[in-house]
Protein backbone atom coordinates (compact mmCIF):
# COMPACT_ATOMS: atom_id res chain seq x y z
CA UNK A 1 13.82 32.69 -2.09
CA UNK A 2 12.48 29.12 -2.35
CA UNK A 3 13.90 27.04 -5.19
CA UNK A 4 10.63 26.19 -6.97
CA UNK A 5 11.18 23.29 -9.39
CA UNK A 6 7.61 22.52 -10.45
CA UNK A 7 4.24 24.22 -10.43
CA UNK A 8 0.99 22.47 -11.33
CA UNK A 9 -0.56 23.83 -14.49
CA UNK A 10 -4.05 25.25 -14.27
CA UNK A 11 -5.31 22.10 -16.00
CA UNK A 12 -3.45 19.85 -13.54
CA UNK A 13 -4.65 21.69 -10.44
CA UNK A 14 -8.26 22.06 -11.60
CA UNK A 15 -8.39 18.45 -12.76
CA UNK A 16 -7.04 17.05 -9.51
CA UNK A 17 -9.20 14.97 -7.19
CA UNK A 18 -8.23 17.32 -4.36
CA UNK A 19 -9.81 20.21 -6.28
CA UNK A 20 -12.90 18.08 -6.90
CA UNK A 21 -13.12 17.45 -3.16
CA UNK A 22 -12.78 21.18 -2.37
CA UNK A 23 -15.51 22.00 -4.89
CA UNK A 24 -17.70 19.24 -3.42
CA UNK A 25 -17.27 20.72 0.07
CA UNK A 26 -18.50 24.07 -1.22
CA UNK A 27 -21.56 22.61 -2.96
CA UNK A 28 -22.52 20.00 -0.35
CA UNK A 29 -21.29 21.55 2.90
CA UNK A 30 -21.16 25.27 2.18
CA UNK A 31 -17.44 25.39 2.99
CA UNK A 32 -15.44 27.95 1.03
CA UNK A 33 -11.77 26.95 1.00
CA UNK A 34 -9.32 29.57 -0.25
CA UNK A 35 -6.00 27.97 0.69
CA UNK A 36 -4.90 24.41 1.42
CA UNK A 37 -3.79 25.39 4.93
CA UNK A 38 -7.38 26.41 5.70
CA UNK A 39 -8.56 22.99 4.54
CA UNK A 40 -5.92 21.23 6.63
CA UNK A 41 -6.77 23.30 9.70
CA UNK A 42 -10.44 22.38 9.37
CA UNK A 43 -9.57 18.70 8.87
CA UNK A 44 -7.66 18.47 12.17
CA UNK A 45 -9.99 20.59 14.31
CA UNK A 46 -13.43 19.44 13.14
CA UNK A 47 -12.63 15.73 13.06
CA UNK A 48 -16.20 14.51 12.88
CA UNK A 49 -17.24 16.64 9.92
CA UNK A 50 -13.99 16.05 8.04
CA UNK A 51 -13.93 12.26 8.25
CA UNK A 52 -17.66 12.01 7.59
CA UNK A 53 -17.19 14.19 4.50
CA UNK A 54 -14.66 11.67 3.17
CA UNK A 55 -17.11 8.84 3.80
CA UNK A 56 -19.68 10.71 1.74
CA UNK A 57 -17.31 12.01 -0.97
CA UNK A 58 -15.94 8.52 -1.69
CA UNK A 59 -19.37 6.92 -1.27
CA UNK A 60 -18.16 4.30 1.18
CA UNK A 61 -20.65 1.45 1.31
CA UNK A 62 -21.67 -0.03 4.66
CA UNK A 63 -23.92 -3.05 5.15
CA UNK A 64 -25.23 -1.41 8.31
CA UNK A 65 -25.34 2.34 9.04
CA UNK A 66 -23.05 4.04 11.50
CA UNK A 67 -24.69 5.91 14.37
CA UNK A 68 -21.66 7.90 15.53
CA UNK A 69 -18.63 9.15 13.58
CA UNK A 70 -16.17 9.48 16.45
CA UNK A 71 -16.21 8.72 20.15
CA UNK A 72 -13.18 9.59 22.24
CA UNK A 73 -12.57 8.51 25.84
CA UNK A 74 -13.64 10.98 28.50
CA UNK A 75 -10.03 12.03 29.07
CA UNK A 76 -9.69 12.89 25.34
CA UNK A 77 -6.92 10.33 24.94
CA UNK A 78 -6.21 9.03 21.45
CA UNK A 79 -6.12 5.37 22.46
CA UNK A 80 -9.59 3.94 22.67
CA UNK A 81 -11.10 6.31 20.08
CA UNK A 82 -13.95 4.63 18.20
CA UNK A 83 -14.83 5.47 14.59
CA UNK A 84 -18.07 5.03 12.63
CA UNK A 85 -19.65 2.86 15.30
CA UNK A 86 -22.31 0.53 13.94
CA UNK A 87 -20.95 0.33 10.40
CA UNK A 88 -20.00 -2.99 8.80
CA UNK A 89 -18.01 -3.14 5.59
CA UNK A 90 -15.34 -5.02 3.66
CA UNK A 91 -12.05 -3.70 2.26
CA UNK A 92 -11.88 -6.17 -0.65
CA UNK A 93 -15.47 -5.41 -1.63
CA UNK A 94 -14.54 -1.77 -2.18
CA UNK A 95 -11.64 -2.81 -4.40
CA UNK A 96 -13.94 -4.86 -6.60
CA UNK A 97 -16.25 -1.87 -7.00
CA UNK A 98 -13.64 -0.81 -9.57
CA UNK A 99 -14.04 -3.98 -11.64
CA UNK A 100 -14.09 -3.16 -15.35
CA UNK A 101 -13.40 -4.69 -18.75
CA UNK A 102 -11.71 -1.53 -20.05
CA UNK A 103 -8.34 -2.10 -18.35
CA UNK A 104 -6.45 -4.87 -16.54
CA UNK A 105 -6.40 -5.11 -12.76
CA UNK A 106 -2.72 -6.10 -12.59
CA UNK A 107 0.37 -5.89 -14.78
CA UNK A 108 3.48 -7.72 -13.63
CA UNK A 109 7.08 -8.54 -14.48
CA UNK A 110 9.59 -10.80 -12.76
CA UNK A 111 13.36 -10.70 -12.59
CA UNK A 112 13.61 -14.43 -13.31
CA UNK A 113 11.93 -13.97 -16.70
CA UNK A 114 14.03 -11.05 -17.95
CA UNK A 115 16.59 -13.27 -19.67
CA UNK A 116 13.86 -14.53 -21.96
CA UNK A 117 12.63 -10.99 -22.69
CA UNK A 118 9.19 -12.00 -21.55
CA UNK A 119 6.44 -9.41 -22.09
CA UNK A 120 4.48 -8.00 -19.20
CA UNK A 121 2.01 -10.36 -17.64
CA UNK A 122 -1.57 -9.16 -17.27
CA UNK A 123 -4.47 -10.19 -15.06
CA UNK A 124 -7.95 -8.98 -15.93
CA UNK A 125 -10.48 -7.94 -13.32
CA UNK A 126 -12.60 -10.95 -14.28
CA UNK A 127 -9.71 -13.38 -13.76
CA UNK A 128 -8.73 -11.64 -10.53
CA UNK A 129 -12.28 -11.99 -9.24
CA UNK A 130 -12.41 -15.66 -10.22
CA UNK A 131 -9.12 -16.45 -8.47
CA UNK A 132 -10.02 -14.52 -5.32
CA UNK A 133 -13.40 -16.30 -5.22
CA UNK A 134 -11.70 -19.72 -5.43
CA UNK A 135 -9.09 -18.97 -2.77
CA UNK A 136 -11.60 -17.40 -0.38
CA UNK A 137 -13.92 -20.38 -0.76
CA UNK A 138 -11.03 -22.73 -0.07
CA UNK A 139 -10.17 -20.82 3.10
CA UNK A 140 -13.78 -21.06 4.22
CA UNK A 141 -13.71 -24.80 3.61
CA UNK A 142 -10.66 -25.01 5.89
CA UNK A 143 -12.70 -23.46 8.67
CA UNK A 144 -11.17 -19.97 8.48
CA UNK A 145 -13.58 -17.44 9.96
CA UNK A 146 -13.47 -13.66 10.51
CA UNK A 147 -10.65 -12.76 12.87
CA UNK A 148 -8.47 -15.79 12.07
CA UNK A 149 -4.98 -14.93 10.91
CA UNK A 150 -3.49 -15.85 7.54
CA UNK A 151 0.28 -15.53 7.00
CA UNK A 152 2.23 -15.16 3.76
CA UNK A 153 5.86 -15.36 2.68
CA UNK A 154 5.14 -14.68 -0.98
CA UNK A 155 7.13 -12.11 -3.00
CA UNK A 156 5.69 -9.16 -4.95
CA UNK A 157 3.67 -11.28 -7.39
CA UNK A 158 -0.01 -11.53 -8.40
CA UNK A 159 -0.53 -14.55 -6.15
CA UNK A 160 0.19 -12.37 -3.11
CA UNK A 161 -2.50 -9.89 -4.20
CA UNK A 162 -4.98 -12.71 -4.76
CA UNK A 163 -4.19 -14.29 -1.38
CA UNK A 164 -4.61 -10.97 0.45
CA UNK A 165 -7.90 -10.11 -1.25
CA UNK A 166 -9.25 -13.60 -0.50
CA UNK A 167 -8.24 -13.21 3.14
CA UNK A 168 -9.86 -9.78 3.39
CA UNK A 169 -12.99 -10.95 1.58
CA UNK A 170 -13.81 -13.47 4.33
CA UNK A 171 -12.89 -11.12 7.19
CA UNK A 172 -9.67 -12.90 8.13
CA UNK A 173 -6.51 -10.99 9.08
CA UNK A 174 -3.54 -10.75 6.70
CA UNK A 175 0.08 -10.97 7.85
CA UNK A 176 2.97 -10.81 5.37
CA UNK A 177 6.76 -11.07 5.30
CA UNK A 178 8.99 -11.30 2.20
CA UNK A 179 10.70 -14.64 1.48
CA UNK A 180 14.25 -13.31 1.96
CA UNK A 181 13.63 -12.88 5.71
CA UNK A 182 15.38 -15.48 7.84
CA UNK A 183 13.45 -18.24 9.58
CA UNK A 184 14.15 -16.88 13.08
CA UNK A 185 12.79 -13.46 12.14
CA UNK A 186 9.76 -15.00 10.44
CA UNK A 187 9.03 -16.93 13.60
CA UNK A 188 9.42 -13.78 15.71
CA UNK A 189 6.73 -12.14 13.59
CA UNK A 190 4.28 -14.95 12.97
CA UNK A 191 4.37 -16.38 16.47
CA UNK A 192 2.80 -13.11 17.61
CA UNK A 193 -0.08 -13.31 15.12
CA UNK A 194 -0.64 -17.11 15.45
CA UNK A 195 -1.75 -17.85 11.87
CA UNK A 196 -3.93 -20.80 10.92
CA UNK A 197 -2.97 -20.75 7.23
CA UNK A 198 0.40 -20.08 5.61
CA UNK A 199 1.02 -19.16 1.96
CA UNK A 200 4.56 -20.31 1.12
CA UNK A 201 6.70 -21.13 -1.92
CA UNK A 202 9.82 -23.05 -2.89
CA UNK A 203 12.05 -20.01 -3.36
CA UNK A 204 12.65 -16.65 -4.99
CA UNK A 205 15.14 -14.84 -7.20
CA UNK A 206 17.50 -12.08 -6.14
CA UNK A 207 20.08 -10.28 -8.28
CA UNK A 208 19.94 -12.99 -10.91
CA UNK A 209 20.25 -15.90 -8.48
CA UNK A 210 17.65 -18.47 -7.47
CA UNK A 211 17.34 -18.91 -3.71
CA UNK A 212 15.75 -22.18 -2.59
CA UNK A 213 13.64 -21.81 0.55
CA UNK A 214 11.89 -25.17 0.64
CA UNK A 215 13.57 -26.50 3.78
CA UNK A 216 13.33 -23.14 5.57
CA UNK A 217 9.59 -22.84 4.99
CA UNK A 218 8.96 -26.45 5.94
CA UNK A 219 10.79 -25.74 9.21
CA UNK A 220 8.69 -22.61 9.66
CA UNK A 221 5.53 -24.64 9.20
CA UNK A 222 6.50 -27.17 11.85
CA UNK A 223 7.43 -24.46 14.37
CA UNK A 224 4.10 -22.66 14.11
CA UNK A 225 1.77 -24.87 16.18
CA UNK A 226 -1.35 -22.87 15.26
CA UNK A 227 -1.02 -23.72 11.55
CA UNK A 228 -3.72 -25.95 10.14
CA UNK A 229 -2.88 -25.70 6.45
CA UNK A 230 -0.05 -24.54 4.15
CA UNK A 231 -0.80 -23.43 0.60
CA UNK A 232 2.27 -24.15 -1.51
CA UNK A 233 3.33 -22.26 -4.63
CA UNK A 234 5.92 -23.85 -6.93
CA UNK A 235 7.60 -20.64 -8.06
CA UNK A 236 11.12 -21.64 -9.06
CA UNK A 237 10.45 -25.25 -9.99
CA UNK A 238 7.07 -26.33 -11.30
CA UNK A 239 7.88 -29.89 -10.25
CA UNK A 240 8.64 -29.03 -6.63
CA UNK A 241 6.51 -30.98 -4.19
CA UNK A 242 6.04 -30.10 -0.53
CA UNK A 243 6.15 -32.88 2.03
CA UNK A 244 3.17 -33.90 4.17
CA UNK A 245 0.46 -33.42 1.51
CA UNK A 246 -2.15 -34.05 4.21
CA UNK A 247 -1.30 -30.60 5.62
CA UNK A 248 -0.29 -28.86 2.39
CA UNK A 249 -2.24 -27.93 -0.74
CA UNK A 250 -0.73 -26.77 -3.99
CA UNK A 251 -1.72 -23.29 -5.21
CA UNK A 252 -3.00 -24.64 -8.52
CA UNK A 253 -5.32 -27.04 -6.69
CA UNK A 254 -6.67 -24.21 -4.54
CA UNK A 255 -7.54 -22.26 -7.70
CA UNK A 256 -9.66 -25.21 -8.84
CA UNK A 257 -11.96 -24.83 -5.83
CA UNK A 258 -15.57 -24.41 -6.96
CA UNK A 259 -16.94 -21.10 -5.77
CA UNK A 260 -20.55 -21.75 -6.68
CA UNK A 261 -21.78 -18.47 -5.20
CA UNK A 262 -19.01 -16.41 -6.78
CA UNK A 263 -17.00 -13.95 -4.74
CA UNK A 264 -18.76 -13.41 -1.40
CA UNK A 265 -17.72 -10.61 0.97
CA UNK A 266 -18.05 -10.86 4.74
CA UNK A 267 -19.15 -7.56 6.32
CA UNK A 268 -17.13 -6.80 9.46
CA UNK A 269 -17.20 -3.90 11.96
CA UNK A 270 -15.23 -0.76 11.11
CA UNK A 271 -12.63 -1.57 13.80
CA UNK A 272 -12.21 -5.20 12.71
CA UNK A 273 -8.52 -5.97 12.01
CA UNK A 274 -7.46 -6.01 8.36
CA UNK A 275 -3.76 -6.84 8.61
CA UNK A 276 -0.80 -7.01 10.96
CA UNK A 277 2.34 -5.10 9.95
CA UNK A 278 5.80 -5.61 11.39
CA UNK A 279 8.68 -3.23 12.08
CA UNK A 280 11.85 -3.40 14.15
CA UNK A 281 12.32 -1.18 17.17
CA UNK A 282 15.61 0.38 18.27
CA UNK A 283 16.68 -2.91 19.90
CA UNK A 284 16.07 -4.90 16.71
CA UNK A 285 13.02 -6.63 18.14
CA UNK A 286 9.93 -7.08 15.98
CA UNK A 287 6.98 -4.79 16.73
CA UNK A 288 3.47 -5.40 15.47
CA UNK A 289 0.89 -2.92 14.22
CA UNK A 290 -2.70 -4.04 13.73
CA UNK A 291 -4.76 -1.84 11.41
CA UNK A 292 -8.52 -1.84 11.01
CA UNK A 293 -10.59 -2.54 7.92
CA UNK A 294 -12.50 0.73 8.04
CA UNK A 295 -9.53 2.79 9.16
CA UNK A 296 -7.32 1.73 6.27
CA UNK A 297 -10.20 1.97 3.79
CA UNK A 298 -11.01 5.62 4.47
CA UNK A 299 -7.35 6.60 5.00
CA UNK A 300 -6.21 4.98 1.75
CA UNK A 301 -9.01 6.53 -0.28
CA UNK A 302 -7.93 9.92 1.10
CA UNK A 303 -4.21 9.34 0.54
CA UNK A 304 -4.26 7.79 -2.94
CA UNK A 305 -6.95 10.06 -4.37
CA UNK A 306 -6.34 13.43 -2.71
CA UNK A 307 -2.59 13.40 -2.02
CA UNK A 308 -1.29 11.28 -4.89
CA UNK A 309 -4.05 12.20 -7.37
CA UNK A 310 -4.47 8.64 -8.65
CA UNK A 311 -7.35 8.54 -11.13
CA UNK A 312 -9.25 5.57 -12.60
CA UNK A 313 -7.20 4.18 -15.47
CA UNK A 314 -3.83 5.35 -14.10
CA UNK A 315 -1.05 2.80 -13.74
CA UNK A 316 0.47 2.70 -10.28
CA UNK A 317 3.77 1.16 -9.24
CA UNK A 318 5.70 1.29 -5.99
CA UNK A 319 8.86 -0.78 -5.75
CA UNK A 320 8.50 -2.67 -2.48
CA UNK A 321 8.81 -5.98 -0.74
CA UNK A 322 5.70 -7.61 0.68
CA UNK A 323 6.93 -6.81 4.19
CA UNK A 324 7.05 -3.02 3.82
CA UNK A 325 4.00 -0.89 4.57
CA UNK A 326 4.29 0.55 1.05
CA UNK A 327 3.18 -2.82 -0.33
CA UNK A 328 -0.09 -2.51 1.58
CA UNK A 329 -0.33 1.12 0.54
CA UNK A 330 0.23 0.31 -3.15
CA UNK A 331 -2.50 -2.35 -3.13
CA UNK A 332 -4.84 0.51 -2.18
CA UNK A 333 -4.34 2.01 -5.65
CA UNK A 334 -6.91 -0.58 -6.75
CA UNK A 335 -9.43 1.18 -4.50
CA UNK A 336 -9.35 4.26 -6.72
CA UNK A 337 -9.48 2.42 -10.04
CA UNK A 338 -5.80 2.25 -10.98
CA UNK A 339 -4.07 -0.70 -12.62
CA UNK A 340 -1.49 -1.97 -10.13
CA UNK A 341 1.92 -2.77 -11.62
CA UNK A 342 4.06 -5.38 -9.83
CA UNK A 343 7.75 -6.19 -10.11
CA UNK A 344 9.38 -9.12 -8.33
CA UNK A 345 13.13 -8.83 -8.20
CA UNK A 346 16.10 -6.65 -7.41
CA UNK A 347 15.64 -3.06 -8.58
CA UNK A 348 19.32 -2.93 -9.53
CA UNK A 349 19.47 -6.12 -11.63
CA UNK A 350 20.94 -6.21 -14.19
CA UNK A 351 21.46 -2.49 -13.46
CA UNK A 352 19.61 0.50 -11.99
CA UNK A 353 17.88 1.16 -15.33
CA UNK A 354 15.59 -1.82 -14.72
CA UNK A 355 12.78 0.18 -13.12
CA UNK A 356 13.07 3.09 -15.56
CA UNK A 357 12.67 0.58 -18.36
CA UNK A 358 9.60 -0.79 -16.58
CA UNK A 359 8.07 2.71 -16.55
CA UNK A 360 8.11 2.74 -20.36
CA UNK A 361 7.21 -0.92 -20.74
CA UNK A 362 4.15 -0.72 -18.48
CA UNK A 363 3.32 2.92 -19.26
CA UNK A 364 3.42 3.72 -15.55
CA UNK A 365 1.71 6.93 -14.46
CA UNK A 366 2.80 7.00 -10.80
CA UNK A 367 6.24 5.55 -10.02
CA UNK A 368 7.29 5.16 -6.39
CA UNK A 369 10.33 3.73 -4.64
CA UNK A 370 12.42 4.12 -1.53
CA UNK A 371 14.40 7.34 -1.33
CA UNK A 372 17.65 5.36 -1.28
CA UNK A 373 16.93 4.01 -4.78
CA UNK A 374 16.72 7.50 -6.26
CA UNK A 375 19.80 8.62 -4.33
CA UNK A 376 21.73 5.68 -5.76
CA UNK A 377 20.57 6.53 -9.28
CA UNK A 378 21.77 10.11 -8.84
CA UNK A 379 25.10 9.09 -7.33
CA UNK A 380 25.68 6.64 -10.18
CA UNK A 381 25.14 9.44 -12.69
CA UNK A 382 22.05 7.96 -14.36
CA UNK A 383 20.21 10.19 -16.83
CA UNK A 384 16.97 8.29 -17.57
CA UNK A 385 15.68 11.06 -19.86
CA UNK A 386 18.43 10.19 -22.37
CA UNK A 387 17.47 6.52 -22.54
CA UNK A 388 13.71 6.38 -22.05
CA UNK A 389 10.66 8.26 -23.24
CA UNK A 390 8.85 8.33 -19.85
CA UNK A 391 5.90 9.90 -21.66
CA UNK A 392 3.32 8.29 -19.36
CA UNK A 393 5.06 9.33 -16.13
CA UNK A 394 3.10 11.96 -14.20
CA UNK A 395 4.42 11.63 -10.65
CA UNK A 396 7.39 10.19 -8.80
CA UNK A 397 6.87 9.13 -5.20
CA UNK A 398 9.72 8.72 -2.73
CA UNK A 399 9.71 7.68 0.90
CA UNK A 400 11.61 5.53 3.36
CA UNK A 401 14.27 5.94 6.03
CA UNK A 402 15.86 8.74 4.00
CA UNK A 403 12.54 10.26 2.99
CA UNK A 404 13.73 13.81 3.61
CA UNK A 405 15.32 14.12 0.19
CA UNK A 406 18.31 16.45 -0.20
CA UNK A 407 17.80 19.44 -2.52
CA UNK A 408 20.31 18.01 -5.03
CA UNK A 409 18.11 14.96 -5.52
CA UNK A 410 15.11 17.17 -6.27
CA UNK A 411 17.17 18.94 -8.94
CA UNK A 412 18.42 15.63 -10.36
CA UNK A 413 14.82 14.50 -10.89
CA UNK A 414 13.96 17.62 -12.89
CA UNK A 415 17.24 17.72 -14.82
CA UNK A 416 17.79 14.00 -15.46
CA UNK A 417 14.36 12.35 -15.36
CA UNK A 418 11.59 14.68 -16.55
CA UNK A 419 11.11 18.42 -16.35
CA UNK A 420 7.32 18.37 -15.94
CA UNK A 421 7.00 15.46 -13.52
CA UNK A 422 5.47 15.96 -10.06
CA UNK A 423 7.98 14.86 -7.38
CA UNK A 424 5.84 13.64 -4.51
CA UNK A 425 8.24 13.16 -1.61
CA UNK A 426 6.39 11.89 1.43
CA UNK A 427 7.02 10.68 4.94
CA UNK A 428 5.12 7.43 5.36
CA UNK A 429 4.72 5.54 8.57
CA UNK A 430 3.91 1.98 9.57
CA UNK A 431 1.96 3.32 12.57
CA UNK A 432 -0.73 4.81 10.29
CA UNK A 433 -0.10 2.60 7.21
CA UNK A 434 -0.11 5.79 5.16
CA UNK A 435 1.55 9.17 4.84
CA UNK A 436 2.00 11.94 7.40
CA UNK A 437 3.40 14.71 5.24
CA UNK A 438 3.88 14.70 1.49
CA UNK A 439 2.29 15.46 -1.83
CA UNK A 440 -0.27 18.01 -2.91
CA UNK A 441 -1.24 18.27 -6.61
CA UNK A 442 -2.26 21.92 -6.21
CA UNK A 443 0.98 23.24 -4.67
CA UNK A 444 4.49 23.87 -6.08
CA UNK A 445 7.46 21.60 -5.43
CA UNK A 446 10.32 23.32 -3.60
CA UNK A 447 13.79 21.74 -3.51
CA UNK A 448 14.37 19.93 -0.23
CA UNK A 449 10.82 20.35 1.10
CA UNK A 450 7.73 18.16 1.33
CA UNK A 451 4.65 19.99 0.16
CA UNK A 452 2.20 19.78 3.04
CA UNK A 453 0.87 17.99 6.09
CA UNK A 454 -1.75 15.54 4.94
CA UNK A 455 -5.41 16.11 5.65
CA UNK A 456 -6.68 14.75 8.92
CA UNK A 457 -3.14 14.28 10.23
CA UNK A 458 -2.23 16.82 12.91
CA UNK A 459 1.53 16.38 12.64
CA UNK A 460 3.84 18.64 14.58
CA UNK A 461 7.52 18.77 15.51
CA UNK A 462 7.86 19.21 19.27
CA UNK A 463 10.90 20.30 21.24
CA UNK A 464 11.92 18.79 24.57
CA UNK A 465 9.40 21.02 26.37
CA UNK A 466 6.57 19.72 24.20
CA UNK A 467 6.11 22.92 22.21
CA UNK A 468 5.72 23.01 18.39
CA UNK A 469 8.84 24.32 16.66
CA UNK A 470 9.80 25.48 13.17
CA UNK A 471 13.18 25.61 11.44
CA UNK A 472 14.76 23.34 14.05
CA UNK A 473 14.91 19.65 14.86
CA UNK A 474 11.99 18.26 16.83
CA UNK A 475 10.24 15.01 17.61
CA UNK A 476 7.48 14.29 15.08
CA UNK A 477 4.15 13.58 16.74
CA UNK A 478 0.52 13.27 15.69
CA UNK A 479 -1.69 15.14 18.13
CA UNK A 480 -5.17 13.98 17.07
CA UNK A 481 -6.49 10.49 16.39
CA UNK A 482 -6.81 9.07 12.89
CA UNK A 483 -9.04 6.15 11.88
CA UNK A 484 -6.02 4.08 10.80
């Protein structure tokens, strides 16, 4: 018998966004869905109707109408598939559709401020909009146009969110690596994307230590011949000054740029690139993944709303560096009206309770981290329920290289963290900048198992003969195209 650890209450299931979507399909499309598997089967066989239904359900706004939902090559290959041809939209514009005065856009904490017991920082939607408007206008003044690449080596701080949204607003392409990456590896990544602008800083903190990166980033700047401008953030030392001011502008000066027209969004085609992600292959070499504006927009709305059940007003946190696909994924929580919580620092400093304390401090609703973090907490014998209230916590997300969580870790969550929390273990992938299998707010949680294959993702495990298999090891593949 399956070891069921959690079942959604009737209120939880009926109040989920997935249930709202199923009800909407019945009213608007005449589709009667009895079981989730029926919904999944429809989503991977009737691709056109499924993805168009998401466009309609989430009310995606296009500056020009699409004339075709999907067009596959004549040989039915996945590569070369075109989505929502004719549409023009903007990812950042859809984020600012959630602008409100009733809750902050961002909450943030930093390891370097913990000694002073600093309270959480907060950035309102109005301030976020003002900063993004200033940075995007500055980029325009530097001659950055749609399709140009913008690189960043900023940590998980509000400035990184502002810089990305400003880049996306003007139709430029974002490319990010965390500051702890070595110069050679940074060059291996950025030389492929050929950025014209670089966001850099003087250093970062790690495990209670300040790491100066001034010389390393100045070397990086000189070895990227395509760079026209570096935007410099004095993070560790407010008095730090970059050399060659003719090619470098301080972050504070960029924020003073007059954006007389406010925040202006550049409409771009659905397939226009949004960002470039990096991952290492089996040889250790850097691989690049370019994802589209429209593809990530519709995929992230689906993933955050339907599979993580993130509602407007929720507080969303995923512990990540700015070089992991989960950073991009967590930014998408803004698309569905959540307040995004940021933490810059080591998750284990001064001990592994740091993030559990943050859950209470920021009243986090959805708390995500790499599977290895939760494994380490279990192995260390942590019992967060004895030290923290965790009253706001509704779901725990886990993914990463060890994303197939062992059954003992499932039981640890329900015995040592919170009995009524929803453990949303998922397998995420840089290739799709989203999840493949994972959470479902209408299904039970079984120890050692992920709940479902995600909608629109025809994932299978194939044996060496190319046949789908169950209850044995296979190669995970996706057999139908996805917009992202």
